[in-house]
PDB file of N, CA and C in Angstrom:
ATOM      1  N   MET A   1      -4.059  -3.288  -2.985  1.00  0.00           N
ATOM      2  CA  MET A   1      -3.129  -2.531  -1.937  1.00  0.00           C
ATOM      3  C   MET A   1      -2.186  -3.378  -1.001  1.00  0.00           C
ATOM      4  N   ILE A   2      -2.371  -4.802  -0.662  1.00  0.00           N
ATOM      5  CA  ILE A   2      -1.828  -5.366   0.109  1.00  0.00           C
ATOM      6  C   ILE A   2       0.112  -5.343  -0.804  1.00  0.00           C
ATOM      7  N   TRP A   3      -0.265  -5.525  -2.402  1.00  0.00           N
ATOM      8  CA  TRP A   3       0.987  -5.867  -3.036  1.00  0.00           C
ATOM      9  C   TRP A   3       1.593  -4.499  -3.576  1.00  0.00           C
ATOM     10  N   TRP A   4       0.988  -3.608  -3.368  1.00  0.00           N
ATOM     11  CA  TRP A   4       1.963  -1.965  -3.199  1.00  0.00           C
ATOM     12  C   TRP A   4       3.261  -2.021  -1.733  1.00  0.00           C
ATOM     13  N   VAL A   5       2.517  -2.570  -0.818  1.00  0.00           N
ATOM     14  CA  VAL A   5       2.787  -2.514   0.799  1.00  0.00           C
ATOM     15  C   VAL A   5       4.146  -3.320   0.533  1.00  0.00           C
ATOM     16  N   ILE A   6       4.061  -4.747  -0.053  1.00  0.00           N
ATOM     17  CA  ILE A   6       5.194  -5.789  -0.552  1.00  0.00           C
ATOM     18  C   ILE A   6       6.060  -5.261  -1.386  1.00  0.00           C
ATOM     19  N   ALA A   7       5.126  -4.518  -2.220  1.00  0.00           N
ATOM     20  CA  ALA A   7       6.229  -4.027  -3.765  1.00  0.00           C
ATOM     21  C   ALA A   7       7.552  -3.336  -2.714  1.00  0.00           C
ATOM     22  N   ILE A   8       6.774  -2.550  -2.023  1.00  0.00           N
ATOM     23  CA  ILE A   8       7.613  -1.139  -1.146  1.00  0.00           C
ATOM     24  C   ILE A   8       8.849  -1.742  -0.749  1.00  0.00           C
ATOM     25  N   ALA A   9       8.150  -2.571   0.594  1.00  0.00           N
ATOM     26  CA  ALA A   9       9.230  -3.562   1.185  1.00  0.00           C
ATOM     27  C   ALA A   9      10.306  -4.231   0.511  1.00  0.00           C
ATOM     28  N   ALA A  10       9.818  -5.194  -0.534  1.00  0.00           N
ATOM     29  CA  ALA A  10      10.690  -5.731  -1.114  1.00  0.00           C
ATOM     30  C   ALA A  10      11.924  -4.292  -1.681  1.00  0.00           C
ATOM     31  N   ALA A  11      11.445  -2.912  -2.536  1.00  0.00           N
ATOM     32  CA  ALA A  11      12.209  -2.569  -3.146  1.00  0.00           C
ATOM     33  C   ALA A  11      13.330  -1.736  -1.842  1.00  0.00           C
ATOM     34  N   ALA A  12      12.707  -1.550  -0.716  1.00  0.00           N
ATOM     35  CA  ALA A  12      13.758  -1.299   0.197  1.00  0.00           C
ATOM     36  C   ALA A  12      14.606  -2.168   0.826  1.00  0.00           C
ATOM     37  N   ILE A  13      14.481  -3.354   0.628  1.00  0.00           N
ATOM     38  CA  ILE A  13      15.395  -4.197   1.107  1.00  0.00           C
ATOM     39  C   ILE A  13      16.346  -4.743  -0.077  1.00  0.00           C
ATOM     40  N   LEU A  14      15.672  -4.486  -1.373  1.00  0.00           N
ATOM     41  CA  LEU A  14      16.623  -4.490  -2.849  1.00  0.00           C
ATOM     42  C   LEU A  14      17.264  -3.282  -2.450  1.00  0.00           C
ATOM     43  N   TRP A  15      17.234  -2.288  -2.207  1.00  0.00           N
ATOM     44  CA  TRP A  15      18.073  -0.745  -2.163  1.00  0.00           C
ATOM     45  C   TRP A  15      18.963  -1.041  -0.798  1.00  0.00           C
ATOM     46  N   LYS A  16      18.558  -1.577   0.227  1.00  0.00           N
ATOM     47  CA  LYS A  16      19.662  -1.866   1.412  1.00  0.00           C
ATOM     48  C   LYS A  16      20.730  -2.560   1.086  1.00  0.00           C
ATOM     49  N   TYR A  17      20.120  -3.863   0.228  1.00  0.00           N
ATOM     50  CA  TYR A  17      21.278  -5.020   0.237  1.00  0.00           C
ATOM     51  C   TYR A  17      22.027  -4.339  -1.692  1.00  0.00           C
ATOM     52  N   ARG A  18      21.835  -3.276  -1.818  1.00  0.00           N
ATOM     53  CA  ARG A  18      22.994  -3.202  -3.146  1.00  0.00           C
ATOM     54  C   ARG A  18      24.241  -2.920  -3.186  1.00  0.00           C
ATOM     55  N   ARG A  19      24.645  -2.914  -2.622  1.00  0.00           N
ATOM     56  CA  ARG A  19      26.303  -2.925  -3.129  1.00  0.00           C
ATOM     57  C   ARG A  19      27.166  -3.542  -2.123  1.00  0.00           C
ATOM     58  N   GLU A  20      26.420  -4.839  -1.516  1.00  0.00           N
ATOM     59  CA  GLU A  20      26.590  -5.825  -0.385  1.00  0.00           C
ATOM     60  C   GLU A  20      27.399  -7.280  -1.417  1.00  0.00           C
ATOM     61  N   GLY A  21      27.749  -6.675  -2.299  1.00  0.00           N
ATOM     62  CA  GLY A  21      28.032  -8.255  -3.325  1.00  0.00           C
ATOM     63  C   GLY A  21      27.445  -9.395  -3.540  1.00  0.00           C
ATOM     64  N   PRO A  22      27.615 -10.016  -3.919  1.00  0.00           N
ATOM     65  CA  PRO A  22      26.942 -11.362  -4.202  1.00  0.00           C
ATOM     66  C   PRO A  22      26.011 -11.543  -2.944  1.00  0.00           C
ATOM     67  N   ASN A  23      24.470 -11.741  -2.155  1.00  0.00           N
ATOM     68  CA  ASN A  23      23.704 -12.193  -1.416  1.00  0.00           C
ATOM     69  C   ASN A  23      22.626 -12.720  -1.799  1.00  0.00           C
ATOM     70  N   ALA A  24      22.327 -13.122  -0.845  1.00  0.00           N
ATOM     71  CA  ALA A  24      20.844 -14.308  -1.257  1.00  0.00           C
ATOM     72  C   ALA A  24      19.819 -13.327  -1.579  1.00  0.00           C
ATOM     73  N   VAL A  25      19.539 -12.011  -1.506  1.00  0.00           N
ATOM     74  CA  VAL A  25      18.715 -11.121  -1.524  1.00  0.00           C
ATOM     75  C   VAL A  25      18.722 -10.755  -2.895  1.00  0.00           C
ATOM     76  N   TRP A  26      19.923 -10.802  -3.954  1.00  0.00           N
ATOM     77  CA  TRP A  26      19.277  -9.891  -5.237  1.00  0.00           C
ATOM     78  C   TRP A  26      19.843 -11.541  -5.857  1.00  0.00           C
ATOM     79  N   GLY A  27      20.125 -12.435  -5.477  1.00  0.00           N
ATOM     80  CA  GLY A  27      20.101 -14.040  -6.168  1.00  0.00           C
ATOM     81  C   GLY A  27      18.417 -14.650  -5.796  1.00  0.00           C
ATOM     82  N   THR A  28      17.741 -14.170  -5.176  1.00  0.00           N
ATOM     83  CA  THR A  28      16.449 -14.809  -5.022  1.00  0.00           C
ATOM     84  C   THR A  28      15.580 -13.598  -5.413  1.00  0.00           C
ATOM     85  N   ALA A  29      15.727 -12.634  -6.262  1.00  0.00           N
ATOM     86  CA  ALA A  29      14.967 -11.753  -6.393  1.00  0.00           C
ATOM     87  C   ALA A  29      15.551 -11.610  -8.030  1.00  0.00           C
ATOM     88  N   THR A  30      16.197 -12.526  -8.244  1.00  0.00           N
ATOM     89  CA  THR A  30      16.748 -12.629 -10.103  1.00  0.00           C
ATOM     90  C   THR A  30      15.801 -14.051 -10.189  1.00  0.00           C
ATOM     91  N   LEU A  31      15.878 -15.162  -9.624  1.00  0.00           N
ATOM     92  CA  LEU A  31      15.264 -16.324  -9.487  1.00  0.00           C
ATOM     93  C   LEU A  31      13.706 -16.127  -9.323  1.00  0.00           C
ATOM     94  N   GLY A  32      13.404 -14.709  -8.988  1.00  0.00           N
ATOM     95  CA  GLY A  32      11.852 -14.651  -8.769  1.00  0.00           C
ATOM     96  C   GLY A  32      11.458 -14.458 -10.259  1.00  0.00           C
ATOM     97  N   LEU A  33      12.408 -12.840 -10.677  1.00  0.00           N
ATOM     98  CA  LEU A  33      12.535 -12.144 -12.456  1.00  0.00           C
ATOM     99  C   LEU A  33      12.143 -13.597 -13.377  1.00  0.00           C
ATOM    100  N   LEU A  34      13.377 -14.183 -12.892  1.00  0.00           N
ATOM    101  CA  LEU A  34      12.977 -15.548 -13.980  1.00  0.00           C
ATOM    102  C   LEU A  34      11.580 -16.529 -13.804  1.00  0.00           C
ATOM    103  N   VAL A  35      11.446 -17.014 -12.861  1.00  0.00           N
ATOM    104  CA  VAL A  35       9.719 -17.478 -12.449  1.00  0.00           C
ATOM    105  C   VAL A  35       8.979 -16.869 -12.777  1.00  0.00           C
ATOM    106  N   GLY A  36       8.933 -15.666 -12.480  1.00  0.00           N
ATOM    107  CA  GLY A  36       7.965 -14.347 -13.111  1.00  0.00           C
ATOM    108  C   GLY A  36       7.555 -14.528 -14.533  1.00  0.00           C
ATOM    109  N   LEU A  37       8.882 -14.372 -15.391  1.00  0.00           N
ATOM    110  CA  LEU A  37       8.583 -14.247 -17.204  1.00  0.00           C
ATOM    111  C   LEU A  37       7.481 -15.550 -17.011  1.00  0.00           C
ATOM    112  N   THR A  38       8.818 -16.879 -16.666  1.00  0.00           N
ATOM    113  CA  THR A  38       7.698 -18.013 -16.996  1.00  0.00           C
ATOM    114  C   THR A  38       6.766 -18.480 -16.828  1.00  0.00           C
ATOM    115  N   VAL A  39       5.719 -17.812 -15.573  1.00  0.00           N
ATOM    116  CA  VAL A  39       4.570 -17.913 -15.315  1.00  0.00           C
ATOM    117  C   VAL A  39       4.094 -16.815 -16.208  1.00  0.00           C
ATOM    118  N   ALA A  40       4.454 -15.715 -16.574  1.00  0.00           N
ATOM    119  CA  ALA A  40       3.485 -14.913 -17.477  1.00  0.00           C
ATOM    120  C   ALA A  40       3.572 -15.091 -18.500  1.00  0.00           C
ATOM    121  N   SER A  41       4.317 -15.764 -18.939  1.00  0.00           N
ATOM    122  CA  SER A  41       4.542 -15.940 -20.365  1.00  0.00           C
ATOM    123  C   SER A  41       3.540 -16.878 -20.930  1.00  0.00           C
ATOM    124  N   TYR A  42       3.535 -18.441 -20.142  1.00  0.00           N
ATOM    125  CA  TYR A  42       2.606 -19.055 -19.693  1.00  0.00           C
ATOM    126  C   TYR A  42       1.327 -18.802 -19.449  1.00  0.00           C
ATOM    127  N   GLN A  43       0.963 -18.137 -18.899  1.00  0.00           N
ATOM    128  CA  GLN A  43      -0.243 -18.045 -18.656  1.00  0.00           C
ATOM    129  C   GLN A  43      -1.320 -16.771 -19.645  1.00  0.00           C
ATOM    130  N   PRO A  44      -2.920 -17.566 -19.598  1.00  0.00           N
ATOM    131  CA  PRO A  44      -3.731 -16.778 -20.978  1.00  0.00           C
ATOM    132  C   PRO A  44      -2.796 -15.127 -20.649  1.00  0.00           C
ATOM    133  N   GLY A  45      -2.800 -14.183 -21.400  1.00  0.00           N
ATOM    134  CA  GLY A  45      -2.700 -12.306 -20.948  1.00  0.00           C
ATOM    135  C   GLY A  45      -1.280 -12.185 -20.555  1.00  0.00           C
ATOM    136  N   PHE A  46      -0.474 -12.243 -20.687  1.00  0.00           N
ATOM    137  CA  PHE A  46       1.257 -11.648 -20.527  1.00  0.00           C
ATOM    138  C   PHE A  46       0.814 -10.076 -19.407  1.00  0.00           C
ATOM    139  N   ASP A  47       0.871 -10.648 -17.853  1.00  0.00           N
ATOM    140  CA  ASP A  47       0.521  -9.635 -17.146  1.00  0.00           C
ATOM    141  C   ASP A  47       1.949  -9.614 -16.302  1.00  0.00           C
ATOM    142  N   TRP A  48       2.210  -7.896 -16.201  1.00  0.00           N
ATOM    143  CA  TRP A  48       3.526  -7.855 -16.110  1.00  0.00           C
ATOM    144  C   TRP A  48       3.255  -7.991 -14.109  1.00  0.00           C
ATOM    145  N   ARG A  49       2.393  -7.576 -13.321  1.00  0.00           N
ATOM    146  CA  ARG A  49       2.491  -7.882 -12.491  1.00  0.00           C
ATOM    147  C   ARG A  49       2.462  -8.998 -11.562  1.00  0.00           C
ATOM    148  N   THR A  50       2.552 -10.010 -12.448  1.00  0.00           N
ATOM    149  CA  THR A  50       3.103 -11.462 -12.132  1.00  0.00           C
ATOM    150  C   THR A  50       4.747 -11.276 -11.901  1.00  0.00           C
ATOM    151  N   ILE A  51       4.749 -10.818 -12.472  1.00  0.00           N
ATOM    152  CA  ILE A  51       6.473 -10.247 -12.675  1.00  0.00           C
ATOM    153  C   ILE A  51       7.347  -9.898 -11.477  1.00  0.00           C
ATOM    154  N   GLY A  52       6.349  -8.806 -11.058  1.00  0.00           N
ATOM    155  CA  GLY A  52       6.703  -7.834  -9.722  1.00  0.00           C
ATOM    156  C   GLY A  52       6.692  -8.299  -8.578  1.00  0.00           C
ATOM    157  N   LYS A  53       5.468  -9.356  -8.629  1.00  0.00           N
ATOM    158  CA  LYS A  53       4.638  -9.920  -7.502  1.00  0.00           C
ATOM    159  C   LYS A  53       6.357 -11.372  -7.085  1.00  0.00           C
ATOM    160  N   ALA A  54       6.406 -11.562  -7.859  1.00  0.00           N
ATOM    161  CA  ALA A  54       7.430 -12.796  -8.155  1.00  0.00           C
ATOM    162  C   ALA A  54       8.880 -12.543  -7.283  1.00  0.00           C
ATOM    163  N   VAL A  55       9.221 -11.265  -7.811  1.00  0.00           N
ATOM    164  CA  VAL A  55      10.467 -10.538  -7.860  1.00  0.00           C
ATOM    165  C   VAL A  55      10.100  -9.992  -6.227  1.00  0.00           C
ATOM    166  N   ALA A  56       9.365  -9.317  -5.787  1.00  0.00           N
ATOM    167  CA  ALA A  56       9.158  -9.306  -4.791  1.00  0.00           C
ATOM    168  C   ALA A  56       8.941 -10.092  -3.102  1.00  0.00           C
ATOM    169  N   ILE A  57       8.485 -11.145  -3.786  1.00  0.00           N
ATOM    170  CA  ILE A  57       8.337 -12.482  -2.988  1.00  0.00           C
ATOM    171  C   ILE A  57      10.115 -12.669  -3.334  1.00  0.00           C
ATOM    172  N   GLY A  58      10.449 -13.098  -3.750  1.00  0.00           N
ATOM    173  CA  GLY A  58      12.136 -13.342  -3.958  1.00  0.00           C
ATOM    174  C   GLY A  58      12.433 -12.926  -3.326  1.00  0.00           C
ATOM    175  N   ALA A  59      12.664 -10.985  -2.821  1.00  0.00           N
ATOM    176  CA  ALA A  59      13.434 -10.624  -2.159  1.00  0.00           C
ATOM    177  C   ALA A  59      13.299 -10.454  -0.977  1.00  0.00           C
ATOM    178  N   ILE A  60      11.881 -10.971  -0.560  1.00  0.00           N
ATOM    179  CA  ILE A  60      11.927 -10.772   0.924  1.00  0.00           C
ATOM    180  C   ILE A  60      12.280 -13.097   1.438  1.00  0.00           C
ATOM    181  N   ILE A  61      12.674 -13.312   0.488  1.00  0.00           N
ATOM    182  CA  ILE A  61      12.441 -14.444   0.853  1.00  0.00           C
ATOM    183  C   ILE A  61      14.283 -14.754   0.789  1.00  0.00           C
ATOM    184  N   GLY A  62      14.997 -13.654   0.297  1.00  0.00           N
ATOM    185  CA  GLY A  62      16.119 -13.321   0.648  1.00  0.00           C
ATOM    186  C   GLY A  62      16.903 -13.046   1.570  1.00  0.00           C
ATOM    187  N   LEU A  63      15.767 -11.941   2.388  1.00  0.00           N
ATOM    188  CA  LEU A  63      15.892 -11.465   3.213  1.00  0.00           C
ATOM    189  C   LEU A  63      16.271 -12.681   4.702  1.00  0.00           C
ATOM    190  N   VAL A  64      15.127 -13.147   4.643  1.00  0.00           N
ATOM    191  CA  VAL A  64      14.917 -13.945   5.533  1.00  0.00           C
ATOM    192  C   VAL A  64      16.437 -14.951   5.253  1.00  0.00           C
ATOM    193  N   LEU A  65      16.546 -15.636   4.388  1.00  0.00           N
ATOM    194  CA  LEU A  65      17.979 -16.797   4.457  1.00  0.00           C
ATOM    195  C   LEU A  65      19.190 -15.665   4.039  1.00  0.00           C
ATOM    196  N   GLU A  66      19.121 -14.719   3.948  1.00  0.00           N
ATOM    197  CA  GLU A  66      20.149 -13.420   4.869  1.00  0.00           C
ATOM    198  C   GLU A  66      20.334 -13.645   6.180  1.00  0.00           C
ATOM    199  N   LEU A  67      18.901 -12.950   6.455  1.00  0.00           N
ATOM    200  CA  LEU A  67      18.922 -12.789   8.608  1.00  0.00           C
ATOM    201  C   LEU A  67      18.771 -14.344   9.162  1.00  0.00           C
ATOM    202  N   LEU A  68      18.711 -15.236   8.395  1.00  0.00           N
ATOM    203  CA  LEU A  68      18.820 -16.861   9.179  1.00  0.00           C
ATOM    204  C   LEU A  68      20.080 -16.956  10.258  1.00  0.00           C
ATOM    205  N   PRO A  69      21.376 -16.645   9.388  1.00  0.00           N
ATOM    206  CA  PRO A  69      22.414 -17.335  10.419  1.00  0.00           C
ATOM    207  C   PRO A  69      22.705 -16.202  11.481  1.00  0.00           C
ATOM    208  N   ARG A  70      21.806 -14.925  11.601  1.00  0.00           N
ATOM    209  CA  ARG A  70      22.137 -13.933  12.838  1.00  0.00           C
ATOM    210  C   ARG A  70      20.884 -14.434  13.817  1.00  0.00           C
ATOM    211  N   LEU A  71      19.875 -15.219  13.090  1.00  0.00           N
ATOM    212  CA  LEU A  71      19.067 -15.438  14.520  1.00  0.00           C
ATOM    213  C   LEU A  71      19.621 -16.877  15.051  1.00  0.00           C
ATOM    214  N   THR A  72      20.432 -17.574  14.063  1.00  0.00           N
ATOM    215  CA  THR A  72      20.686 -18.852  14.423  1.00  0.00           C
ATOM    216  C   THR A  72      21.898 -18.166  15.729  1.00  0.00           C
ATOM    217  N   ARG A  73      22.620 -17.961  15.643  1.00  0.00           N
ATOM    218  CA  ARG A  73      24.204 -17.130  16.712  1.00  0.00           C
ATOM    219  C   ARG A  73      23.109 -16.832  17.945  1.00  0.00           C
ATOM    220  N   LEU A  74      22.237 -15.434  17.635  1.00  0.00           N
ATOM    221  CA  LEU A  74      21.741 -15.571  18.874  1.00  0.00           C
ATOM    222  C   LEU A  74      20.793 -16.302  19.775  1.00  0.00           C
ATOM    223  N   TRP A  75      20.273 -17.598  18.923  1.00  0.00           N
ATOM    224  CA  TRP A  75      19.676 -18.603  19.707  1.00  0.00           C
ATOM    225  C   TRP A  75      20.785 -19.444  20.347  1.00  0.00           C
ATOM    226  N   SER A  76      21.945 -19.808  19.806  1.00  0.00           N
ATOM    227  CA  SER A  76      23.006 -20.561  20.314  1.00  0.00           C
ATOM    228  C   SER A  76      23.474 -20.304  21.339  1.00  0.00           C
ATOM    229  N   LYS A  77      23.386 -19.177  21.743  1.00  0.00           N
ATOM    230  CA  LYS A  77      23.475 -18.213  23.530  1.00  0.00           C
ATOM    231  C   LYS A  77      23.418 -18.187  24.391  1.00  0.00           C
TER     232      LYS A  77
END
């Protein structure tokens, strides 16, 4: 159940950042895709959910990396 919530949140994040050019959200989601493919292919029994979880985690990490400069500007004032 929790992975559905995380997946929906990640899809919303990816949708929001779809047209902003190169950014950390899509970069880390792509990295998550590559890591997920690697892990899914090496574990016994290929599982697509592993790839989806890795992409979702990557998108959320990318959002944090995108928002981090904004937070530091708020704290420095």
